[in-house]
Amino acid sequence: MDELNDEAGGAYKIGYSPEPRFPAGSTRFRIHYHEDIKSLERQLRRYPDDFHVLVGAEADPVVRFAEALGKSLKRKALGYWNRRGMALGKKAVPIILVVDEMMMLSGARGSASGGNSTVWFRQFLISLRHLHIAFLGGIQDSNSVSYVNASLATRIWCFRTTLEWALNSMRAAGLPKEKLELLPKLAVGEYIEVDV
């Protein structure tokens, strides 16, 4: 997240975690935990440079908040030029959205065909670049979410796994054969980065 923030020249940083468990040294930004979106939004306005994390039973509210924030920032950045139908405007502040456990995101689950409950999340993933959102999602069990979500990724960080079903899921998401063969051989904590 820190690298993305630096690359963007600053960004809003919001996230989700089932419980307050981001290690204190995991980012150079102060971490604020919130139990509801109103608190997160209020504190984000007050401390825009910090990392604001929603804690709770599901991640959907923070993803929907990030989407609404992205649309609002885009509208404000385009401003006058948007109303005149011209492709000019000022730079929108990007958003870095971190979901610690995608299993807690109902829209990420489901079949590859995408049921009604997952359509909104797929549409969100497809619109990320238009909303200036970088989405970082953690998945401990790649079968717990649809592989279609991974297939929409631009970059995947994979840690060691020896489970055949997990490897099959990553294969379905488009991981190249040579990278798949490395996964079972990685040491604990090592990972491979794959642009897909």
C-alpha atoms as a PDB file:
ATOM      1  CA  MET A   1       0.000   0.000   0.000  1.00  0.00           C
ATOM      2  CA  ASP A   2       2.802   2.414   0.837  1.00  0.00           C
ATOM      3  CA  GLU A   3       4.355   1.960  -2.616  1.00  0.00           C
ATOM      4  CA  LEU A   4       1.019   2.542  -4.345  1.00  0.00           C
ATOM      5  CA  ASN A   5       0.468   5.685  -2.301  1.00  0.00           C
ATOM      6  CA  ASP A   6       3.901   7.010  -3.271  1.00  0.00           C
ATOM      7  CA  GLU A   7       3.393   6.103  -6.917  1.00  0.00           C
ATOM      8  CA  ALA A   8       0.091   8.011  -6.958  1.00  0.00           C
ATOM      9  CA  GLY A   9       1.516  11.034  -5.161  1.00  0.00           C
ATOM     10  CA  GLY A  10      -0.917  10.457  -2.280  1.00  0.00           C
ATOM     11  CA  ALA A  11      -4.235   8.650  -2.026  1.00  0.00           C
ATOM     12  CA  TYR A  12      -7.160   7.948   0.245  1.00  0.00           C
ATOM     13  CA  LYS A  13      -6.481   4.650   2.012  1.00  0.00           C
ATOM     14  CA  ILE A  14      -9.480   2.665   3.211  1.00  0.00           C
ATOM     15  CA  GLY A  15      -9.927  -0.988   4.021  1.00  0.00           C
ATOM     16  CA  TYR A  16     -11.746  -3.834   5.674  1.00  0.00           C
ATOM     17  CA  SER A  17     -10.696  -6.457   8.200  1.00  0.00           C
ATOM     18  CA  PRO A  18     -12.837  -8.896  10.228  1.00  0.00           C
ATOM     19  CA  GLU A  19     -11.007  -7.668  13.341  1.00  0.00           C
ATOM     20  CA  PRO A  20      -8.333  -5.052  14.162  1.00  0.00           C
ATOM     21  CA  ARG A  21      -5.348  -7.100  13.041  1.00  0.00           C
ATOM     22  CA  PHE A  22      -3.142  -5.091  10.706  1.00  0.00           C
ATOM     23  CA  PRO A  23       0.301  -5.147  12.332  1.00  0.00           C
ATOM     24  CA  ALA A  24       1.428  -1.740  13.573  1.00  0.00           C
ATOM     25  CA  GLY A  25       4.544  -1.812  11.383  1.00  0.00           C
ATOM     26  CA  SER A  26       2.764  -3.000   8.236  1.00  0.00           C
ATOM     27  CA  THR A  27       2.411   0.562   6.928  1.00  0.00           C
ATOM     28  CA  ARG A  28       3.928   3.922   7.736  1.00  0.00           C
ATOM     29  CA  PHE A  29       0.437   5.431   7.969  1.00  0.00           C
ATOM     30  CA  ARG A  30      -1.567   5.674  11.177  1.00  0.00           C
ATOM     31  CA  ILE A  31      -4.304   3.033  11.255  1.00  0.00           C
ATOM     32  CA  HIS A  32      -7.811   3.952  12.463  1.00  0.00           C
ATOM     33  CA  TYR A  33     -10.363   1.173  13.039  1.00  0.00           C
ATOM     34  CA  HIS A  34     -14.075   1.936  12.630  1.00  0.00           C
ATOM     35  CA  GLU A  35     -17.210  -0.029  13.450  1.00  0.00           C
ATOM     36  CA  ASP A  36     -19.415   1.715  10.867  1.00  0.00           C
ATOM     37  CA  ILE A  37     -19.149   3.639   7.604  1.00  0.00           C
ATOM     38  CA  LYS A  38     -20.278   6.945   9.157  1.00  0.00           C
ATOM     39  CA  SER A  39     -17.339   6.879  11.546  1.00  0.00           C
ATOM     40  CA  LEU A  40     -14.959   5.900   8.726  1.00  0.00           C
ATOM     41  CA  GLU A  41     -16.200   8.712   6.476  1.00  0.00           C
ATOM     42  CA  ARG A  42     -16.070  11.314   9.257  1.00  0.00           C
ATOM     43  CA  GLN A  43     -12.514  10.380  10.258  1.00  0.00           C
ATOM     44  CA  LEU A  44     -11.370  10.098   6.629  1.00  0.00           C
ATOM     45  CA  ARG A  45     -12.396  13.738   6.170  1.00  0.00           C
ATOM     46  CA  ARG A  46     -10.547  14.670   9.355  1.00  0.00           C
ATOM     47  CA  TYR A  47      -7.402  12.580   8.697  1.00  0.00           C
ATOM     48  CA  PRO A  48      -7.240  12.056   4.912  1.00  0.00           C
ATOM     49  CA  ASP A  49      -3.617  10.862   4.916  1.00  0.00           C
ATOM     50  CA  ASP A  50      -4.204   7.993   7.374  1.00  0.00           C
ATOM     51  CA  PHE A  51      -5.409   4.415   6.736  1.00  0.00           C
ATOM     52  CA  HIS A  52      -9.059   3.896   7.743  1.00  0.00           C
ATOM     53  CA  VAL A  53     -10.296   0.331   8.267  1.00  0.00           C
ATOM     54  CA  LEU A  54     -13.876  -0.890   8.710  1.00  0.00           C
ATOM     55  CA  VAL A  55     -14.065  -3.792  11.151  1.00  0.00           C
ATOM     56  CA  GLY A  56     -17.048  -6.119  11.161  1.00  0.00           C
ATOM     57  CA  ALA A  57     -18.936  -9.065   9.793  1.00  0.00           C
ATOM     58  CA  GLU A  58     -18.758  -8.162   6.108  1.00  0.00           C
ATOM     59  CA  ALA A  59     -16.707  -6.095   3.698  1.00  0.00           C
ATOM     60  CA  ASP A  60     -19.484  -5.039   1.306  1.00  0.00           C
ATOM     61  CA  PRO A  61     -20.162  -1.644   2.967  1.00  0.00           C
ATOM     62  CA  VAL A  62     -16.577  -0.414   2.613  1.00  0.00           C
ATOM     63  CA  VAL A  63     -16.412  -1.539  -1.031  1.00  0.00           C
ATOM     64  CA  ARG A  64     -19.672   0.275  -1.808  1.00  0.00           C
ATOM     65  CA  PHE A  65     -18.331   3.331   0.055  1.00  0.00           C
ATOM     66  CA  ALA A  66     -15.122   3.266  -2.006  1.00  0.00           C
ATOM     67  CA  GLU A  67     -17.184   3.055  -5.195  1.00  0.00           C
ATOM     68  CA  ALA A  68     -19.357   6.027  -4.190  1.00  0.00           C
ATOM     69  CA  LEU A  69     -16.281   8.022  -3.137  1.00  0.00           C
ATOM     70  CA  GLY A  70     -14.569   7.234  -6.453  1.00  0.00           C
ATOM     71  CA  LYS A  71     -17.599   8.408  -8.431  1.00  0.00           C
ATOM     72  CA  SER A  72     -17.821  11.599  -6.378  1.00  0.00           C
ATOM     73  CA  LEU A  73     -14.109  12.383  -6.758  1.00  0.00           C
ATOM     74  CA  LYS A  74     -14.282  11.732 -10.497  1.00  0.00           C
ATOM     75  CA  ARG A  75     -17.288  14.070 -10.867  1.00  0.00           C
ATOM     76  CA  LYS A  76     -15.542  16.805  -8.893  1.00  0.00           C
ATOM     77  CA  ALA A  77     -12.287  16.415 -10.831  1.00  0.00           C
ATOM     78  CA  LEU A  78     -14.035  16.697 -14.190  1.00  0.00           C
ATOM     79  CA  GLY A  79     -16.252  19.539 -13.006  1.00  0.00           C
ATOM     80  CA  TYR A  80     -16.815  22.226 -15.645  1.00  0.00           C
ATOM     81  CA  TRP A  81     -15.244  20.185 -18.418  1.00  0.00           C
ATOM     82  CA  ASN A  82     -17.599  17.278 -17.798  1.00  0.00           C
ATOM     83  CA  ARG A  83     -20.632  19.564 -18.023  1.00  0.00           C
ATOM     84  CA  ARG A  84     -19.306  20.986 -21.326  1.00  0.00           C
ATOM     85  CA  GLY A  85     -18.652  17.511 -22.768  1.00  0.00           C
ATOM     86  CA  MET A  86     -14.901  18.113 -23.034  1.00  0.00           C
ATOM     87  CA  ALA A  87     -12.253  15.579 -22.009  1.00  0.00           C
ATOM     88  CA  LEU A  88     -10.314  17.885 -19.713  1.00  0.00           C
ATOM     89  CA  GLY A  89     -10.255  18.267 -15.976  1.00  0.00           C
ATOM     90  CA  LYS A  90      -7.995  18.069 -12.978  1.00  0.00           C
ATOM     91  CA  LYS A  91      -6.497  14.937 -11.499  1.00  0.00           C
ATOM     92  CA  ALA A  92      -8.802  12.938  -9.223  1.00  0.00           C
ATOM     93  CA  VAL A  93      -7.364  11.803  -5.889  1.00  0.00           C
ATOM     94  CA  PRO A  94      -6.930   8.026  -6.147  1.00  0.00           C
ATOM     95  CA  ILE A  95      -8.251   5.533  -3.608  1.00  0.00           C
ATOM     96  CA  ILE A  96      -6.418   2.493  -2.292  1.00  0.00           C
ATOM     97  CA  LEU A  97      -8.935  -0.098  -1.090  1.00  0.00           C
ATOM     98  CA  VAL A  98      -7.622  -3.029   0.968  1.00  0.00           C
ATOM     99  CA  VAL A  99      -9.867  -5.991   1.793  1.00  0.00           C
ATOM    100  CA  ASP A 100      -8.028  -8.242   4.236  1.00  0.00           C
ATOM    101  CA  GLU A 101     -10.275 -11.253   3.715  1.00  0.00           C
ATOM    102  CA  MET A 102     -12.279 -11.452   0.491  1.00  0.00           C
ATOM    103  CA  MET A 103     -14.311 -14.327   1.914  1.00  0.00           C
ATOM    104  CA  MET A 104     -16.109 -11.629   3.922  1.00  0.00           C
ATOM    105  CA  LEU A 105     -17.163  -9.894   0.694  1.00  0.00           C
ATOM    106  CA  SER A 106     -20.435 -11.448  -0.463  1.00  0.00           C
ATOM    107  CA  GLY A 107     -20.046 -10.089  -3.983  1.00  0.00           C
ATOM    108  CA  ALA A 108     -16.751 -11.970  -4.425  1.00  0.00           C
ATOM    109  CA  ARG A 109     -18.271 -15.375  -3.823  1.00  0.00           C
ATOM    110  CA  GLY A 110     -20.402 -17.366  -6.202  1.00  0.00           C
ATOM    111  CA  SER A 111     -20.098 -19.185  -9.451  1.00  0.00           C
ATOM    112  CA  ALA A 112     -18.082 -18.193 -12.477  1.00  0.00           C
ATOM    113  CA  SER A 113     -21.263 -17.205 -14.287  1.00  0.00           C
ATOM    114  CA  GLY A 114     -22.000 -14.682 -11.556  1.00  0.00           C
ATOM    115  CA  GLY A 115     -25.336 -14.800  -9.804  1.00  0.00           C
ATOM    116  CA  ASN A 116     -27.399 -11.702  -9.096  1.00  0.00           C
ATOM    117  CA  SER A 117     -25.664 -11.232  -5.758  1.00  0.00           C
ATOM    118  CA  THR A 118     -22.222 -10.977  -7.395  1.00  0.00           C
ATOM    119  CA  VAL A 119     -22.963  -8.875 -10.484  1.00  0.00           C
ATOM    120  CA  TRP A 120     -22.422  -5.578  -8.661  1.00  0.00           C
ATOM    121  CA  PHE A 121     -18.954  -6.655  -7.506  1.00  0.00           C
ATOM    122  CA  ARG A 122     -17.886  -7.756 -10.997  1.00  0.00           C
ATOM    123  CA  GLN A 123     -19.068  -4.411 -12.361  1.00  0.00           C
ATOM    124  CA  PHE A 124     -17.079  -2.694  -9.608  1.00  0.00           C
ATOM    125  CA  LEU A 125     -13.910  -4.633 -10.521  1.00  0.00           C
ATOM    126  CA  ILE A 126     -14.285  -3.737 -14.178  1.00  0.00           C
ATOM    127  CA  SER A 127     -14.743  -0.028 -13.342  1.00  0.00           C
ATOM    128  CA  LEU A 128     -11.773   0.305 -10.945  1.00  0.00           C
ATOM    129  CA  ARG A 129      -9.516   2.236 -13.306  1.00  0.00           C
ATOM    130  CA  HIS A 130     -12.334   4.615 -14.247  1.00  0.00           C
ATOM    131  CA  LEU A 131     -12.901   5.366 -10.561  1.00  0.00           C
ATOM    132  CA  HIS A 132      -9.158   5.724  -9.805  1.00  0.00           C
ATOM    133  CA  ILE A 133      -9.278   2.846  -7.296  1.00  0.00           C
ATOM    134  CA  ALA A 134      -6.467   0.383  -6.595  1.00  0.00           C
ATOM    135  CA  PHE A 135      -8.010  -2.750  -5.065  1.00  0.00           C
ATOM    136  CA  LEU A 136      -5.873  -5.046  -2.897  1.00  0.00           C
ATOM    137  CA  GLY A 137      -7.740  -8.174  -1.847  1.00  0.00           C
ATOM    138  CA  GLY A 138      -6.408 -10.967   0.330  1.00  0.00           C
ATOM    139  CA  ILE A 139      -7.604 -14.517  -0.266  1.00  0.00           C
ATOM    140  CA  GLN A 140      -6.389 -17.365   1.912  1.00  0.00           C
ATOM    141  CA  ASP A 141      -8.559 -19.933   0.166  1.00  0.00           C
ATOM    142  CA  SER A 142      -8.712 -19.314  -3.569  1.00  0.00           C
ATOM    143  CA  ASN A 143     -11.730 -21.604  -3.895  1.00  0.00           C
ATOM    144  CA  SER A 144     -13.760 -19.497  -1.476  1.00  0.00           C
ATOM    145  CA  VAL A 145     -14.195 -16.799  -4.115  1.00  0.00           C
ATOM    146  CA  SER A 146     -14.929 -17.069  -7.800  1.00  0.00           C
ATOM    147  CA  TYR A 147     -11.829 -17.409  -9.983  1.00  0.00           C
ATOM    148  CA  VAL A 148     -13.408 -14.801 -12.281  1.00  0.00           C
ATOM    149  CA  ASN A 149     -12.423 -12.174  -9.685  1.00  0.00           C
ATOM    150  CA  ALA A 150      -8.781 -13.207  -9.948  1.00  0.00           C
ATOM    151  CA  SER A 151      -9.009 -13.301 -13.739  1.00  0.00           C
ATOM    152  CA  LEU A 152      -9.918  -9.578 -13.665  1.00  0.00           C
ATOM    153  CA  ALA A 153      -6.764  -8.755 -11.688  1.00  0.00           C
ATOM    154  CA  THR A 154      -3.803  -6.963 -13.236  1.00  0.00           C
ATOM    155  CA  ARG A 155      -1.302  -8.275 -10.684  1.00  0.00           C
ATOM    156  CA  ILE A 156      -1.412 -11.209  -8.261  1.00  0.00           C
ATOM    157  CA  TRP A 157       0.924 -11.960  -5.348  1.00  0.00           C
ATOM    158  CA  CYS A 158       0.898 -15.684  -4.599  1.00  0.00           C
ATOM    159  CA  PHE A 159       2.299 -17.345  -1.505  1.00  0.00           C
ATOM    160  CA  ARG A 160       3.249 -20.981  -1.010  1.00  0.00           C
ATOM    161  CA  THR A 161       0.563 -23.617  -1.490  1.00  0.00           C
ATOM    162  CA  THR A 162       0.672 -27.349  -2.107  1.00  0.00           C
ATOM    163  CA  LEU A 163      -3.092 -27.850  -2.341  1.00  0.00           C
ATOM    164  CA  GLU A 164      -4.110 -29.120  -5.769  1.00  0.00           C
ATOM    165  CA  TRP A 165      -7.486 -27.381  -5.739  1.00  0.00           C
ATOM    166  CA  ALA A 166      -5.807 -24.029  -4.950  1.00  0.00           C
ATOM    167  CA  LEU A 167      -3.340 -24.535  -7.794  1.00  0.00           C
ATOM    168  CA  ASN A 168      -6.226 -25.427 -10.131  1.00  0.00           C
ATOM    169  CA  SER A 169      -8.045 -22.275  -9.107  1.00  0.00           C
ATOM    170  CA  MET A 170      -4.968 -20.146  -9.839  1.00  0.00           C
ATOM    171  CA  ARG A 171      -4.511 -21.959 -13.157  1.00  0.00           C
ATOM    172  CA  ALA A 172      -8.119 -21.082 -14.062  1.00  0.00           C
ATOM    173  CA  ALA A 173      -7.374 -17.442 -13.160  1.00  0.00           C
ATOM    174  CA  GLY A 174      -4.566 -17.385 -15.737  1.00  0.00           C
ATOM    175  CA  LEU A 175      -1.358 -17.982 -13.780  1.00  0.00           C
ATOM    176  CA  PRO A 176       1.331 -19.225 -16.189  1.00  0.00           C
ATOM    177  CA  LYS A 177       2.534 -22.832 -15.844  1.00  0.00           C
ATOM    178  CA  GLU A 178       6.084 -21.887 -14.792  1.00  0.00           C
ATOM    179  CA  LYS A 179       4.736 -19.739 -11.930  1.00  0.00           C
ATOM    180  CA  LEU A 180       2.314 -22.481 -10.814  1.00  0.00           C
ATOM    181  CA  GLU A 181       5.206 -24.940 -10.565  1.00  0.00           C
ATOM    182  CA  LEU A 182       7.045 -22.521  -8.240  1.00  0.00           C
ATOM    183  CA  LEU A 183       4.201 -22.151  -5.707  1.00  0.00           C
ATOM    184  CA  PRO A 184       4.718 -25.458  -3.839  1.00  0.00           C
ATOM    185  CA  LYS A 185       8.489 -24.812  -3.652  1.00  0.00           C
ATOM    186  CA  LEU A 186       8.315 -21.378  -1.996  1.00  0.00           C
ATOM    187  CA  ALA A 187       9.456 -20.945   1.598  1.00  0.00           C
ATOM    188  CA  VAL A 188       6.973 -19.669   4.153  1.00  0.00           C
ATOM    189  CA  GLY A 189       6.609 -15.898   3.627  1.00  0.00           C
ATOM    190  CA  GLU A 190       8.064 -15.974   0.113  1.00  0.00           C
ATOM    191  CA  TYR A 191       5.796 -15.048  -2.762  1.00  0.00           C
ATOM    192  CA  ILE A 192       5.779 -14.559  -6.486  1.00  0.00           C
ATOM    193  CA  GLU A 193       4.382 -11.512  -8.207  1.00  0.00           C
ATOM    194  CA  VAL A 194       2.568 -12.100 -11.449  1.00  0.00           C
ATOM    195  CA  ASP A 195       1.260  -9.551 -13.922  1.00  0.00           C
ATOM    196  CA  VAL A 196      -1.772 -11.086 -15.593  1.00  0.00           C
END
